[in-house]
Each structure stands twice: as C-alpha cells, then as structure tokens.
Protein backbone atom coordinates (compact mmCIF):
# COMPACT_ATOMS: atom_id res chain seq x y z
CA MET A 1 138.06 34.45 226.48
CA LYS A 2 139.99 32.71 229.11
CA ARG A 3 142.07 29.79 226.54
CA VAL A 4 142.26 26.11 227.89
CA LEU A 5 144.01 22.97 226.94
CA ILE A 6 142.37 19.88 228.03
CA VAL A 7 144.60 16.66 228.60
CA ASP A 8 142.84 13.38 229.42
CA ASP A 9 143.33 9.42 227.80
CA ALA A 10 139.84 9.29 226.58
CA ALA A 11 138.89 11.16 223.48
CA PHE A 12 135.09 10.43 224.79
CA MET A 13 136.27 12.38 227.71
CA ARG A 14 138.03 15.46 226.21
CA ASN A 15 134.66 15.94 223.74
CA VAL A 16 132.87 16.26 226.67
CA LEU A 17 134.28 18.67 228.05
CA LYS A 18 134.72 20.58 225.51
CA THR A 19 130.98 20.80 224.95
CA ILE A 20 131.12 22.25 228.23
CA LEU A 21 134.26 24.61 228.47
CA GLU A 22 133.26 25.54 224.94
CA ASN A 23 129.18 26.19 225.71
CA GLY A 24 130.50 27.92 229.24
CA GLY A 25 132.64 30.62 227.48
CA PHE A 26 136.31 29.06 227.25
CA GLU A 27 138.03 28.79 224.36
CA VAL A 28 139.28 25.78 223.93
CA VAL A 29 142.70 25.98 221.82
CA GLY A 30 144.36 22.23 222.41
CA GLU A 31 144.14 18.92 222.89
CA ALA A 32 145.87 16.29 224.24
CA GLN A 33 145.77 12.69 224.56
CA ASN A 34 148.13 11.38 227.46
CA GLY A 35 150.84 13.96 230.14
CA ALA A 36 153.74 13.89 228.31
CA ILE A 37 151.72 15.76 224.82
CA GLY A 38 149.84 17.57 227.13
CA VAL A 39 153.90 19.26 229.16
CA LYS A 40 154.50 19.48 224.49
CA LYS A 41 151.44 21.50 224.76
CA TYR A 42 151.25 23.03 227.17
CA GLU A 43 154.32 24.74 226.45
CA GLU A 44 153.23 25.87 222.04
CA LEU A 45 150.02 27.06 222.79
CA ASN A 46 150.73 28.63 226.68
CA PRO A 47 146.90 28.19 227.24
CA ASP A 48 145.41 30.52 230.28
CA LEU A 49 144.28 26.51 232.04
CA VAL A 50 144.76 23.62 231.86
CA THR A 51 142.10 20.04 232.47
CA MET A 52 144.62 17.07 233.16
CA ASP A 53 142.91 13.70 234.14
CA ILE A 54 145.26 12.11 236.47
CA THR A 55 145.72 8.69 235.16
CA MET A 56 146.36 8.23 231.72
CA PRO A 57 149.53 6.19 229.66
CA GLU A 58 152.80 7.19 228.78
CA MET A 59 152.78 10.29 231.58
CA ASP A 60 150.21 10.37 234.08
CA GLY A 61 148.75 13.57 234.77
CA ILE A 62 150.19 14.50 238.58
CA SER A 63 153.71 13.94 236.59
CA ALA A 64 153.17 16.59 233.75
CA LEU A 65 151.55 18.50 236.50
CA LYS A 66 154.01 18.87 238.28
CA GLU A 67 156.58 19.41 235.06
CA ILE A 68 154.14 22.27 233.89
CA LYS A 69 154.66 24.16 236.93
CA LYS A 70 158.06 23.76 235.90
CA ILE A 71 157.66 25.53 233.27
CA ASP A 72 156.04 28.04 234.67
CA SER A 73 155.04 28.35 238.67
CA ASN A 74 152.05 31.01 237.90
CA ALA A 75 150.52 27.73 235.47
CA LYS A 76 146.63 26.72 236.79
CA VAL A 77 146.25 23.29 236.42
CA VAL A 78 142.10 22.22 237.22
CA MET A 79 142.72 17.93 238.06
CA ILE A 80 140.09 15.62 236.81
CA SER A 81 139.37 12.27 239.02
CA SER A 82 137.35 9.75 238.89
CA MET A 83 135.79 8.55 242.25
CA GLY A 84 137.81 6.61 245.17
CA GLN A 85 141.27 9.24 243.95
CA GLU A 86 141.23 10.97 247.14
CA ALA A 87 144.70 10.47 247.62
CA MET A 88 145.81 11.56 244.03
CA ILE A 89 144.14 14.25 244.19
CA ARG A 90 145.72 15.38 247.61
CA GLU A 91 148.64 14.58 246.10
CA SER A 92 147.65 16.89 243.00
CA VAL A 93 146.49 19.89 244.85
CA THR A 94 150.16 19.50 246.91
CA ALA A 95 152.32 19.50 243.60
CA GLY A 96 150.08 23.27 243.02
CA ALA A 97 147.41 21.86 240.84
CA LYS A 98 144.40 24.76 241.20
CA SER A 99 141.25 22.70 241.52
CA PHE A 100 140.17 19.23 241.02
CA VAL A 101 137.08 18.33 239.00
CA VAL A 102 135.22 14.31 240.26
CA LYS A 103 134.02 12.61 237.30
CA PRO A 104 131.27 11.79 236.27
CA PHE A 105 130.74 15.79 235.43
CA ASN A 106 127.87 18.10 236.08
CA GLU A 107 127.79 20.73 234.23
CA ASN A 108 127.64 24.02 236.24
CA ILE A 109 130.24 22.56 239.09
CA VAL A 110 132.73 21.81 235.83
CA ILE A 111 131.99 25.78 234.23
CA LYS A 112 131.48 27.25 238.50
CA THR A 113 135.18 25.75 239.23
CA LEU A 114 137.33 26.69 235.97
CA THR A 115 135.42 30.52 236.69
CA ASN A 116 136.85 30.57 240.30
CA LEU A 117 139.72 30.74 238.77
CA PHE A 118 140.58 34.02 237.31
C-alpha cells in the first residue's frame, strides 16, 4: 500500500483527500497544514507520495516542493491547485512536481493520477 502525506491549509480539503485516497487503496501516513510543516513531516515519515496544495500560509506549496526535492530528488509530489492557477502549475512542474490535480476534486481523476505515478 502506497503511503501518502497530505499538505493543505484547509482541514476540510485534507479530510476530503484523505477519504478519497483511503477509498482508493492508499495509506495516509500524515497531514500538514502548511508547507513548512509538510517539509518536516516529509523528513520524518518518508512517504511514497505527497499531495501539496499550492496556496498556503507560512510556506507555499511551490517553496515546500523545492525543499522536499533538495531532501529527496526522487520525491513524488502531486500539486493540488484551484482553477485559474495555470502559471503556478507550470512553475511547480518545472520545480519537480510529478503531476497535478485541480480542485474541485473528481475522485476517479485523483486516484488515476496518483496510481499512474507507480
């Protein structure tokens, strides 16, 4: 079972993603409410995959992605974005994101996107 860390500042979104992932056969090993905590949890938990919101307080998702890639160049990070964030999605892919998912979530697309990384 693939181990996932969810990084999103909205508790509601973390809960929605957690339910989708667990229903899809993933194990959610941790959650973080901003990028800075996400980077620390990545080091502690060494997950197989990270879902990373782009817009968060303290440290945004793109900055956190860059820090995680410094720790582990093979890290699999999927960016979570809202509609209209195309420029940020391009920047995150350039910074090493493996893929992205757009809010609002379609459960099948989330599972397919994450499963295709393995």
